[in-house]
N, C-alpha and C. Protein backbone atom coordinates (compact mmCIF):
# COMPACT_ATOMS: atom_id res chain seq x y z
N UNK A 1 145.05 108.02 192.92
CA UNK A 1 144.67 107.17 194.03
C UNK A 1 143.24 106.68 193.83
N UNK A 2 143.03 105.40 194.04
CA UNK A 2 141.71 104.82 193.85
C UNK A 2 140.76 105.26 194.96
N UNK A 3 139.47 105.16 194.69
CA UNK A 3 138.47 105.47 195.71
C UNK A 3 138.62 104.55 196.92
N UNK A 4 138.98 103.30 196.66
CA UNK A 4 139.17 102.35 197.76
C UNK A 4 140.35 102.78 198.64
N UNK A 5 141.44 103.19 198.02
CA UNK A 5 142.59 103.66 198.81
C UNK A 5 142.24 104.94 199.56
N UNK A 6 141.44 105.80 198.93
CA UNK A 6 141.00 107.02 199.61
C UNK A 6 140.15 106.66 200.83
N UNK A 7 139.27 105.68 200.68
CA UNK A 7 138.44 105.23 201.80
C UNK A 7 139.32 104.69 202.93
N UNK A 8 140.34 103.91 202.58
CA UNK A 8 141.26 103.40 203.59
C UNK A 8 141.92 104.54 204.35
N UNK A 9 142.36 105.56 203.63
CA UNK A 9 142.99 106.72 204.29
C UNK A 9 142.02 107.42 205.23
N UNK A 10 140.76 107.55 204.79
CA UNK A 10 139.74 108.17 205.65
C UNK A 10 139.58 107.39 206.95
N UNK A 11 139.75 106.07 206.86
CA UNK A 11 139.63 105.21 208.04
C UNK A 11 140.93 105.12 208.84
N UNK A 12 142.00 105.77 208.34
CA UNK A 12 143.27 105.79 209.06
C UNK A 12 144.23 104.66 208.70
N UNK A 13 144.05 104.06 207.51
CA UNK A 13 144.90 102.95 207.08
C UNK A 13 145.58 103.28 205.76
N UNK A 14 146.71 102.64 205.53
CA UNK A 14 147.39 102.69 204.24
C UNK A 14 147.72 101.27 203.81
N UNK A 15 147.74 101.07 202.52
CA UNK A 15 148.11 99.76 202.02
C UNK A 15 149.59 99.50 202.28
N UNK A 16 149.92 98.32 202.77
CA UNK A 16 151.33 97.96 202.92
C UNK A 16 151.89 97.52 201.58
N UNK A 17 153.18 97.23 201.55
CA UNK A 17 153.75 96.56 200.39
C UNK A 17 153.14 95.16 200.35
N UNK A 18 152.88 94.62 199.18
CA UNK A 18 152.30 93.27 199.14
C UNK A 18 153.27 92.27 199.76
N UNK A 19 152.75 91.33 200.55
CA UNK A 19 153.64 90.35 201.16
C UNK A 19 154.26 89.44 200.11
N UNK A 20 155.49 89.03 200.38
CA UNK A 20 156.18 88.12 199.47
C UNK A 20 155.59 86.72 199.62
N UNK A 21 155.60 85.97 198.53
CA UNK A 21 155.18 84.57 198.62
C UNK A 21 156.26 83.81 199.39
N UNK A 22 155.85 82.75 200.08
CA UNK A 22 156.76 82.04 200.97
C UNK A 22 157.07 80.62 200.51
N UNK A 23 156.65 80.28 199.30
CA UNK A 23 156.92 78.94 198.76
C UNK A 23 156.71 78.99 197.25
N UNK A 24 156.46 77.87 196.63
CA UNK A 24 156.33 77.76 195.18
C UNK A 24 154.88 77.96 194.74
N UNK A 25 154.42 79.22 194.76
CA UNK A 25 153.08 79.58 194.34
C UNK A 25 153.07 81.06 193.97
N UNK A 26 151.97 81.52 193.41
CA UNK A 26 151.81 82.94 193.10
C UNK A 26 150.79 83.54 194.07
N UNK A 27 150.84 84.84 194.23
CA UNK A 27 149.96 85.49 195.21
C UNK A 27 148.51 85.55 194.77
N UNK A 28 148.27 85.53 193.45
CA UNK A 28 146.90 85.49 192.97
C UNK A 28 146.88 85.01 191.52
N UNK A 29 145.72 84.50 191.13
CA UNK A 29 145.52 84.02 189.77
C UNK A 29 144.21 84.62 189.27
N UNK A 30 144.26 85.17 188.06
CA UNK A 30 143.06 85.72 187.44
C UNK A 30 142.61 84.78 186.33
N UNK A 31 141.31 84.49 186.32
CA UNK A 31 140.70 83.77 185.22
C UNK A 31 139.41 84.50 184.88
N UNK A 32 139.32 85.01 183.66
CA UNK A 32 138.17 85.82 183.29
C UNK A 32 138.09 87.05 184.18
N UNK A 33 136.91 87.27 184.76
CA UNK A 33 136.75 88.44 185.63
C UNK A 33 136.81 88.07 187.12
N UNK A 34 137.44 86.92 187.43
CA UNK A 34 137.61 86.51 188.82
C UNK A 34 139.10 86.45 189.17
N UNK A 35 139.40 86.86 190.39
CA UNK A 35 140.75 86.70 190.93
C UNK A 35 140.64 85.84 192.18
N UNK A 36 141.51 84.84 192.25
CA UNK A 36 141.63 83.97 193.41
C UNK A 36 142.95 84.31 194.08
N UNK A 37 142.91 84.78 195.32
CA UNK A 37 144.15 85.07 196.01
C UNK A 37 144.65 83.82 196.73
N UNK A 38 145.94 83.77 196.94
CA UNK A 38 146.51 82.77 197.84
C UNK A 38 146.21 83.22 199.26
N UNK A 39 146.44 82.33 200.20
CA UNK A 39 146.21 82.68 201.60
C UNK A 39 147.21 83.72 202.08
N UNK A 40 146.73 84.62 202.92
CA UNK A 40 147.57 85.66 203.51
C UNK A 40 147.36 85.66 205.01
N UNK A 41 148.32 86.25 205.71
CA UNK A 41 148.23 86.33 207.17
C UNK A 41 148.38 87.76 207.65
N UNK A 42 148.55 87.90 208.96
CA UNK A 42 148.56 89.23 209.59
C UNK A 42 149.99 89.75 209.75
N UNK A 43 150.65 89.93 208.62
CA UNK A 43 152.03 90.42 208.61
C UNK A 43 152.07 91.94 208.47
N UNK A 44 152.99 92.53 209.21
CA UNK A 44 153.28 93.96 209.08
C UNK A 44 154.78 94.07 208.85
N UNK A 45 155.16 94.61 207.69
CA UNK A 45 156.57 94.77 207.38
C UNK A 45 157.34 93.46 207.34
N UNK A 46 156.68 92.39 206.94
CA UNK A 46 157.34 91.10 206.82
C UNK A 46 157.36 90.26 208.08
N UNK A 47 156.85 90.80 209.19
CA UNK A 47 156.81 90.05 210.45
C UNK A 47 155.37 89.89 210.91
N UNK A 48 155.06 88.75 211.52
CA UNK A 48 153.68 88.56 211.99
C UNK A 48 153.36 89.48 213.17
N UNK A 49 152.19 90.08 213.14
CA UNK A 49 151.73 90.90 214.27
C UNK A 49 151.40 90.01 215.46
N UNK A 50 150.79 88.85 215.18
CA UNK A 50 150.44 87.88 216.23
C UNK A 50 150.89 86.50 215.78
N UNK A 51 151.19 85.66 216.74
CA UNK A 51 151.46 84.25 216.47
C UNK A 51 150.77 83.42 217.55
N UNK A 52 150.47 82.18 217.20
CA UNK A 52 149.86 81.28 218.17
C UNK A 52 148.43 80.94 217.83
N UNK A 53 147.81 80.22 218.74
CA UNK A 53 146.44 79.75 218.52
C UNK A 53 145.44 80.60 219.29
N UNK A 54 144.28 80.77 218.69
CA UNK A 54 143.18 81.44 219.35
C UNK A 54 142.73 80.57 220.52
N UNK A 55 142.47 81.22 221.63
CA UNK A 55 142.07 80.49 222.82
C UNK A 55 143.27 80.06 223.66
N UNK A 56 144.47 80.31 223.17
CA UNK A 56 145.69 80.05 223.94
C UNK A 56 146.51 81.33 223.98
N UNK A 57 147.35 81.56 222.98
CA UNK A 57 148.22 82.74 222.97
C UNK A 57 147.54 83.99 222.40
N UNK A 58 146.48 83.83 221.64
CA UNK A 58 145.84 84.94 220.93
C UNK A 58 144.39 85.07 221.40
N UNK A 59 143.98 86.30 221.73
CA UNK A 59 142.61 86.56 222.16
C UNK A 59 141.69 86.77 220.96
N UNK A 60 140.40 86.74 221.20
CA UNK A 60 139.43 87.03 220.13
C UNK A 60 139.66 88.44 219.60
N UNK A 61 139.93 89.40 220.47
CA UNK A 61 140.15 90.78 220.05
C UNK A 61 141.40 90.89 219.17
N UNK A 62 142.46 90.21 219.55
CA UNK A 62 143.67 90.21 218.73
C UNK A 62 143.41 89.51 217.39
N UNK A 63 142.65 88.43 217.41
CA UNK A 63 142.29 87.73 216.17
C UNK A 63 141.47 88.62 215.25
N UNK A 64 140.54 89.37 215.83
CA UNK A 64 139.73 90.31 215.06
C UNK A 64 140.63 91.34 214.36
N UNK A 65 141.60 91.88 215.11
CA UNK A 65 142.55 92.83 214.52
C UNK A 65 143.41 92.15 213.45
N UNK A 66 143.79 90.90 213.70
CA UNK A 66 144.57 90.15 212.71
C UNK A 66 143.80 90.03 211.40
N UNK A 67 142.50 89.89 211.48
CA UNK A 67 141.67 89.84 210.28
C UNK A 67 141.75 91.13 209.48
N UNK A 68 141.75 92.27 210.15
CA UNK A 68 141.87 93.55 209.45
C UNK A 68 143.24 93.69 208.78
N UNK A 69 144.28 93.31 209.51
CA UNK A 69 145.64 93.39 208.95
C UNK A 69 145.74 92.48 207.73
N UNK A 70 145.14 91.31 207.81
CA UNK A 70 145.19 90.37 206.69
C UNK A 70 144.46 90.92 205.48
N UNK A 71 143.33 91.59 205.69
CA UNK A 71 142.61 92.22 204.58
C UNK A 71 143.49 93.27 203.92
N UNK A 72 144.21 94.07 204.69
CA UNK A 72 145.12 95.06 204.10
C UNK A 72 146.16 94.37 203.23
N UNK A 73 146.70 93.25 203.69
CA UNK A 73 147.68 92.52 202.87
C UNK A 73 147.04 91.97 201.61
N UNK A 74 145.83 91.48 201.70
CA UNK A 74 145.14 90.96 200.51
C UNK A 74 144.85 92.09 199.52
N UNK A 75 144.44 93.25 200.01
CA UNK A 75 144.22 94.39 199.12
C UNK A 75 145.53 94.83 198.46
N UNK A 76 146.63 94.76 199.19
CA UNK A 76 147.93 95.10 198.60
C UNK A 76 148.29 94.12 197.48
N UNK A 77 147.99 92.84 197.67
CA UNK A 77 148.21 91.84 196.63
C UNK A 77 147.36 92.17 195.40
N UNK A 78 146.09 92.50 195.64
CA UNK A 78 145.19 92.83 194.53
C UNK A 78 145.64 94.08 193.80
N UNK A 79 146.09 95.09 194.54
CA UNK A 79 146.57 96.31 193.87
C UNK A 79 147.79 96.02 193.02
N UNK A 80 148.70 95.20 193.52
CA UNK A 80 149.89 94.86 192.74
C UNK A 80 149.51 94.15 191.45
N UNK A 81 148.46 93.35 191.49
CA UNK A 81 148.03 92.62 190.30
C UNK A 81 147.23 93.52 189.36
N UNK A 82 146.31 94.30 189.92
CA UNK A 82 145.37 95.08 189.11
C UNK A 82 145.88 96.47 188.75
N UNK A 83 146.69 97.06 189.60
CA UNK A 83 147.11 98.44 189.41
C UNK A 83 146.11 99.43 189.98
N UNK A 84 144.82 99.09 189.99
CA UNK A 84 143.78 100.00 190.45
C UNK A 84 142.71 99.18 191.17
N UNK A 85 142.59 99.40 192.47
CA UNK A 85 141.60 98.66 193.26
C UNK A 85 140.16 98.97 192.87
N UNK A 86 139.95 100.10 192.20
CA UNK A 86 138.58 100.42 191.78
C UNK A 86 138.06 99.48 190.69
N UNK A 87 138.90 98.60 190.20
CA UNK A 87 138.44 97.57 189.26
C UNK A 87 137.66 96.47 189.97
N UNK A 88 137.67 96.47 191.29
CA UNK A 88 136.94 95.45 192.06
C UNK A 88 135.44 95.72 191.97
N UNK A 89 134.72 94.73 191.49
CA UNK A 89 133.25 94.80 191.46
C UNK A 89 132.69 94.40 192.82
N UNK A 90 133.20 93.28 193.36
CA UNK A 90 132.74 92.84 194.67
C UNK A 90 133.64 91.72 195.18
N UNK A 91 133.56 91.52 196.49
CA UNK A 91 134.20 90.37 197.11
C UNK A 91 133.17 89.25 197.06
N UNK A 92 133.51 88.16 196.39
CA UNK A 92 132.57 87.05 196.22
C UNK A 92 132.60 86.13 197.43
N UNK A 93 133.82 85.72 197.82
CA UNK A 93 133.93 84.77 198.92
C UNK A 93 135.21 84.99 199.69
N UNK A 94 135.11 84.81 200.99
CA UNK A 94 136.23 84.86 201.90
C UNK A 94 136.33 83.48 202.55
N UNK A 95 137.50 82.87 202.48
CA UNK A 95 137.75 81.59 203.13
C UNK A 95 138.82 81.81 204.18
N UNK A 96 138.52 81.44 205.43
CA UNK A 96 139.45 81.71 206.52
C UNK A 96 139.67 80.46 207.37
N UNK A 97 140.92 80.29 207.75
CA UNK A 97 141.30 79.27 208.72
C UNK A 97 141.79 79.98 209.97
N UNK A 98 141.36 79.47 211.12
CA UNK A 98 141.74 80.03 212.41
C UNK A 98 142.47 78.94 213.19
N UNK A 99 143.73 79.19 213.52
CA UNK A 99 144.47 78.26 214.35
C UNK A 99 143.86 78.31 215.75
N UNK A 100 143.32 77.17 216.19
CA UNK A 100 142.45 77.17 217.37
C UNK A 100 142.87 76.15 218.41
N UNK A 101 142.79 76.54 219.67
CA UNK A 101 142.94 75.60 220.77
C UNK A 101 141.82 74.56 220.65
N UNK A 102 142.00 73.37 221.22
CA UNK A 102 140.98 72.32 221.07
C UNK A 102 139.58 72.71 221.55
N UNK A 103 139.50 73.62 222.51
CA UNK A 103 138.19 74.01 223.05
C UNK A 103 137.78 75.41 222.61
N UNK A 104 138.33 75.91 221.49
CA UNK A 104 137.98 77.24 220.97
C UNK A 104 136.95 77.08 219.86
N UNK A 105 135.82 77.76 220.01
CA UNK A 105 134.72 77.60 219.05
C UNK A 105 134.22 78.94 218.49
N UNK A 106 134.98 80.00 218.67
CA UNK A 106 134.54 81.33 218.24
C UNK A 106 135.24 81.80 216.97
N UNK A 107 135.52 80.90 216.05
CA UNK A 107 136.15 81.26 214.79
C UNK A 107 135.38 82.37 214.07
N UNK A 108 134.03 82.30 214.01
CA UNK A 108 133.31 83.38 213.32
C UNK A 108 133.55 84.76 213.92
N UNK A 109 133.67 84.86 215.25
CA UNK A 109 133.93 86.15 215.88
C UNK A 109 135.29 86.70 215.45
N UNK A 110 136.26 85.83 215.31
CA UNK A 110 137.60 86.24 214.89
C UNK A 110 137.55 86.76 213.45
N UNK A 111 136.94 86.01 212.56
CA UNK A 111 136.93 86.36 211.14
C UNK A 111 135.98 87.52 210.85
N UNK A 112 135.11 87.85 211.79
CA UNK A 112 134.31 89.08 211.63
C UNK A 112 135.22 90.29 211.46
N UNK A 113 136.44 90.25 212.00
CA UNK A 113 137.37 91.36 211.80
C UNK A 113 137.62 91.62 210.33
N UNK A 114 137.82 90.56 209.57
CA UNK A 114 138.04 90.71 208.13
C UNK A 114 136.75 91.08 207.41
N UNK A 115 135.67 90.38 207.73
CA UNK A 115 134.39 90.64 207.05
C UNK A 115 133.90 92.06 207.31
N UNK A 116 133.90 92.47 208.58
CA UNK A 116 133.44 93.82 208.92
C UNK A 116 134.29 94.88 208.21
N UNK A 117 135.60 94.65 208.15
CA UNK A 117 136.51 95.62 207.53
C UNK A 117 136.25 95.73 206.03
N UNK A 118 136.04 94.60 205.36
CA UNK A 118 135.74 94.65 203.92
C UNK A 118 134.47 95.43 203.65
N UNK A 119 133.45 95.26 204.49
CA UNK A 119 132.19 96.00 204.31
C UNK A 119 132.39 97.48 204.64
N UNK A 120 133.21 97.77 205.65
CA UNK A 120 133.49 99.16 205.99
C UNK A 120 134.22 99.87 204.84
N UNK A 121 135.09 99.16 204.16
CA UNK A 121 135.85 99.74 203.06
C UNK A 121 135.03 99.83 201.78
N UNK A 122 134.35 98.73 201.44
CA UNK A 122 133.70 98.60 200.14
C UNK A 122 132.19 98.75 200.15
N UNK A 123 131.58 98.87 201.30
CA UNK A 123 130.13 98.93 201.38
C UNK A 123 129.53 97.61 200.92
N UNK A 124 128.44 97.67 200.20
CA UNK A 124 127.75 96.45 199.74
C UNK A 124 128.64 95.58 198.86
N UNK A 125 129.59 96.18 198.16
CA UNK A 125 130.51 95.39 197.32
C UNK A 125 131.41 94.49 198.17
N UNK A 126 131.50 94.78 199.46
CA UNK A 126 132.32 93.99 200.36
C UNK A 126 131.59 92.82 201.00
N UNK A 127 130.26 92.76 200.87
CA UNK A 127 129.51 91.62 201.42
C UNK A 127 129.84 90.37 200.63
N UNK A 128 130.04 89.28 201.33
CA UNK A 128 130.57 88.08 200.68
C UNK A 128 130.05 86.81 201.34
N UNK A 129 130.13 85.73 200.61
CA UNK A 129 129.96 84.40 201.20
C UNK A 129 131.23 84.12 202.00
N UNK A 130 131.15 83.18 202.97
CA UNK A 130 132.30 83.03 203.85
C UNK A 130 132.39 81.64 204.46
N UNK A 131 133.61 81.22 204.70
CA UNK A 131 133.92 80.06 205.53
C UNK A 131 134.86 80.54 206.62
N UNK A 132 134.58 80.18 207.87
CA UNK A 132 135.46 80.47 209.00
C UNK A 132 135.66 79.15 209.74
N UNK A 133 136.75 78.47 209.45
CA UNK A 133 136.98 77.13 209.99
C UNK A 133 138.17 77.13 210.94
N UNK A 134 138.10 76.24 211.92
CA UNK A 134 139.20 76.07 212.86
C UNK A 134 140.15 74.98 212.38
N UNK A 135 141.41 75.13 212.75
CA UNK A 135 142.43 74.13 212.45
C UNK A 135 143.41 74.12 213.62
N UNK A 136 144.15 73.03 213.75
CA UNK A 136 145.05 72.93 214.91
C UNK A 136 146.31 73.78 214.76
N UNK A 137 146.82 73.94 213.55
CA UNK A 137 148.01 74.76 213.32
C UNK A 137 147.93 75.38 211.93
N UNK A 138 148.68 76.46 211.75
CA UNK A 138 148.85 77.08 210.44
C UNK A 138 150.34 77.32 210.21
N UNK A 139 150.75 77.46 208.95
CA UNK A 139 152.16 77.70 208.67
C UNK A 139 152.72 78.90 209.44
N UNK A 140 153.96 78.76 209.88
CA UNK A 140 154.69 79.83 210.55
C UNK A 140 154.01 80.29 211.84
N UNK A 141 153.15 79.45 212.41
CA UNK A 141 152.44 79.74 213.66
C UNK A 141 151.50 80.93 213.53
N UNK A 142 150.99 81.18 212.31
CA UNK A 142 150.02 82.25 212.10
C UNK A 142 148.72 81.91 212.82
N UNK A 143 148.04 82.91 213.39
CA UNK A 143 146.76 82.64 214.02
C UNK A 143 145.62 82.50 213.02
N UNK A 144 145.73 83.19 211.88
CA UNK A 144 144.70 83.09 210.84
C UNK A 144 145.33 83.09 209.46
N UNK A 145 144.59 82.56 208.52
CA UNK A 145 144.96 82.65 207.10
C UNK A 145 143.67 82.86 206.32
N UNK A 146 143.70 83.81 205.40
CA UNK A 146 142.50 84.17 204.63
C UNK A 146 142.85 84.23 203.16
N UNK A 147 141.93 83.71 202.33
CA UNK A 147 142.02 83.96 200.89
C UNK A 147 140.68 84.50 200.41
N UNK A 148 140.72 85.15 199.25
CA UNK A 148 139.53 85.78 198.68
C UNK A 148 139.29 85.33 197.26
N UNK A 149 138.02 85.36 196.87
CA UNK A 149 137.62 85.30 195.46
C UNK A 149 137.00 86.66 195.19
N UNK A 150 137.52 87.35 194.18
CA UNK A 150 137.13 88.73 193.89
C UNK A 150 136.63 88.81 192.45
N UNK A 151 135.47 89.44 192.25
CA UNK A 151 134.94 89.69 190.93
C UNK A 151 135.39 91.07 190.47
N UNK A 152 135.85 91.16 189.21
CA UNK A 152 136.26 92.44 188.65
C UNK A 152 135.14 93.04 187.81
N UNK A 153 135.18 94.35 187.65
CA UNK A 153 134.21 95.02 186.79
C UNK A 153 134.43 94.56 185.36
N UNK A 154 133.35 94.47 184.61
CA UNK A 154 133.44 94.03 183.21
C UNK A 154 134.11 95.09 182.37
């Protein structure tokens, strides 16, 4: 078991099975020592934990939790690709879309769920550059979608 998985267990979490891709793409692509993940959402066991837009059907607190669930799915994708999460040097960038009501402006508060969780799991290696943008809709009525750029150890 990797140190990262051990840290997750200490925090009361386990990695899920990696989510299946939902169209004609791959879950991640590695070039050199960088991995680019495809977008992931807040699925548990193949079903979304939350659906709808922030500021309408989904609260900031639920969105924050959705960010944590999405990070777990992204880590599961990375483990499936790498075999060992301890190969992660750092999270370089997190890009997030938040399905938002027209008058919802707290996208950063929602995506803090993912950012805070990555730092809680990885420490300084989890600090990253970030985009937290609002959009009117996301596929399958997901409230958030996140992708990562991850640097691997040399």
